[in-house]
Amino acid sequence: MRLDTHRRKIALVLLIVFLTRLPFLSAGFGSDDDAWRVAVAATRLRNGKEYIPSRLPGYPVQEYTTALIVPYGATAVNLLSVLMVLVVTASLQRFCCTCSTESHTSQHLRSRSCRWSISRV
């Protein structure tokens, strides 16, 4: 029962994070020069040209991943960014969640109770 409540809380946090990013999905690549450099590097990779890093020392994982998505437009690239934010949010929650195991001697049952614990990070 507690696990279902925990999952609902996580789903609610992820929904809130997604809703806060929703207005920015159609904002294009934005006004940051760095985002435009990544888009240019990804477009060059997509067109089969040589790899030129968007910034030094280079971030090939981001640039090659963006190269797969860039033909679908800036909204798709922004959606990929939102997906990564959701993955990090869920991972951070799992990292910060302190799980304690209690066993009941009569039935040898284990129950997990998780709570946010930033102080343990």
Protein backbone atom coordinates (compact mmCIF):
# COMPACT_ATOMS: atom_id res chain seq x y z
CA MET A 1 0.00 0.00 0.00
CA ARG A 2 2.80 2.38 0.88
CA LEU A 3 4.63 1.65 -2.35
CA ASP A 4 1.58 2.72 -4.35
CA THR A 5 1.48 6.00 -2.43
CA HIS A 6 5.19 6.47 -3.05
CA ARG A 7 4.78 5.88 -6.79
CA ARG A 8 1.89 8.32 -6.92
CA LYS A 9 4.02 10.97 -5.24
CA ILE A 10 6.81 10.41 -7.73
CA ALA A 11 4.36 10.56 -10.62
CA LEU A 12 2.96 13.82 -9.24
CA VAL A 13 6.45 15.34 -8.93
CA LEU A 14 7.29 14.28 -12.49
CA LEU A 15 4.00 15.71 -13.76
CA ILE A 16 4.69 19.03 -12.04
CA VAL A 17 8.21 19.16 -13.48
CA PHE A 18 6.84 18.36 -16.95
CA LEU A 19 4.15 21.05 -16.68
CA THR A 20 6.72 23.66 -15.68
CA ARG A 21 8.73 22.85 -18.83
CA LEU A 22 5.72 22.72 -21.16
CA PRO A 23 5.66 26.47 -22.02
CA PHE A 24 9.25 26.27 -23.24
CA LEU A 25 8.85 23.37 -25.67
CA SER A 26 8.01 25.59 -28.63
CA ALA A 27 10.49 28.34 -27.79
CA GLY A 28 12.97 27.27 -30.46
CA PHE A 29 16.62 26.99 -29.54
CA GLY A 30 16.31 30.11 -27.39
CA SER A 31 18.59 33.08 -27.04
CA ASP A 32 21.59 31.23 -25.63
CA ASP A 33 24.47 31.04 -28.11
CA ASP A 34 25.52 27.68 -26.71
CA ALA A 35 22.18 26.06 -27.65
CA TRP A 36 22.52 27.36 -31.19
CA ARG A 37 26.08 26.04 -31.42
CA VAL A 38 24.85 22.58 -30.38
CA ALA A 39 22.11 22.79 -33.03
CA VAL A 40 24.64 23.77 -35.71
CA ALA A 41 27.03 20.97 -34.70
CA ALA A 42 24.15 18.47 -34.72
CA THR A 43 22.99 19.66 -38.14
CA ARG A 44 26.52 19.31 -39.51
CA LEU A 45 26.71 15.76 -38.13
CA ARG A 46 23.29 14.96 -39.58
CA ASN A 47 24.38 16.17 -43.01
CA GLY A 48 27.35 13.80 -42.94
CA LYS A 49 30.03 16.41 -42.40
CA GLU A 50 32.89 16.15 -39.95
CA TYR A 51 32.45 16.52 -36.22
CA ILE A 52 33.27 20.02 -35.03
CA PRO A 53 32.56 20.46 -31.31
CA SER A 54 30.05 23.11 -30.39
CA ARG A 55 32.32 24.17 -27.54
CA LEU A 56 35.59 22.93 -26.13
CA PRO A 57 36.40 20.28 -25.03
CA GLY A 58 33.36 19.02 -26.95
CA TYR A 59 30.29 17.09 -25.81
CA PRO A 60 29.90 14.36 -28.43
CA VAL A 61 27.16 12.42 -26.59
CA GLN A 62 24.90 15.47 -26.51
CA GLU A 63 25.77 16.53 -30.05
CA TYR A 64 25.34 13.07 -31.62
CA THR A 65 22.07 12.53 -29.74
CA THR A 66 20.83 15.93 -30.86
CA ALA A 67 21.84 15.04 -34.43
CA LEU A 68 19.30 12.21 -34.34
CA ILE A 69 16.51 14.57 -33.24
CA VAL A 70 17.34 17.87 -34.96
CA PRO A 71 15.53 17.03 -38.26
CA TYR A 72 12.26 17.08 -36.32
CA GLY A 73 12.83 20.66 -35.22
CA ALA A 74 13.62 22.62 -32.11
CA THR A 75 10.49 21.39 -30.32
CA ALA A 76 11.71 17.80 -30.56
CA VAL A 77 15.13 18.80 -29.25
CA ASN A 78 13.48 20.65 -26.36
CA LEU A 79 11.28 17.61 -25.67
CA LEU A 80 14.43 15.48 -25.45
CA SER A 81 15.80 17.96 -22.94
CA VAL A 82 12.60 17.68 -20.90
CA LEU A 83 12.89 13.90 -21.01
CA MET A 84 16.42 14.14 -19.60
CA VAL A 85 15.18 16.48 -16.83
CA LEU A 86 12.51 13.92 -15.91
CA VAL A 87 15.10 11.12 -15.82
CA VAL A 88 17.36 13.21 -13.57
CA THR A 89 14.43 14.15 -11.32
CA ALA A 90 13.41 10.50 -10.88
CA SER A 91 17.04 9.47 -10.31
CA LEU A 92 17.57 12.20 -7.74
CA GLN A 93 14.44 11.12 -5.92
CA ARG A 94 15.67 7.53 -5.78
CA PHE A 95 19.07 8.71 -4.59
CA CYS A 96 17.62 10.93 -1.87
CA CYS A 97 15.03 8.44 -0.72
CA THR A 98 16.00 6.75 2.50
CA CYS A 99 14.53 3.29 2.69
CA SER A 100 14.27 1.51 5.96
CA THR A 101 13.36 -2.12 6.25
CA GLU A 102 11.35 -3.36 9.15
CA SER A 103 10.77 -7.04 9.65
CA HIS A 104 7.92 -8.37 11.70
CA THR A 105 9.13 -11.32 13.74
CA SER A 106 5.85 -13.19 13.62
CA GLN A 107 5.37 -13.15 9.85
CA HIS A 108 8.83 -12.19 8.59
CA LEU A 109 7.29 -9.51 6.44
CA ARG A 110 9.24 -6.54 5.21
CA SER A 111 7.80 -3.16 4.59
CA ARG A 112 9.63 -0.27 3.02
CA SER A 113 9.02 3.29 3.98
CA CYS A 114 10.72 5.97 1.97
CA ARG A 115 11.09 9.61 2.78
CA TRP A 116 12.99 12.49 1.28
CA SER A 117 16.29 12.99 3.02
CA ILE A 118 18.44 15.73 1.54
CA SER A 119 20.65 15.80 4.62
CA ARG A 120 22.04 12.36 3.71
CA VAL A 121 23.24 13.44 0.27
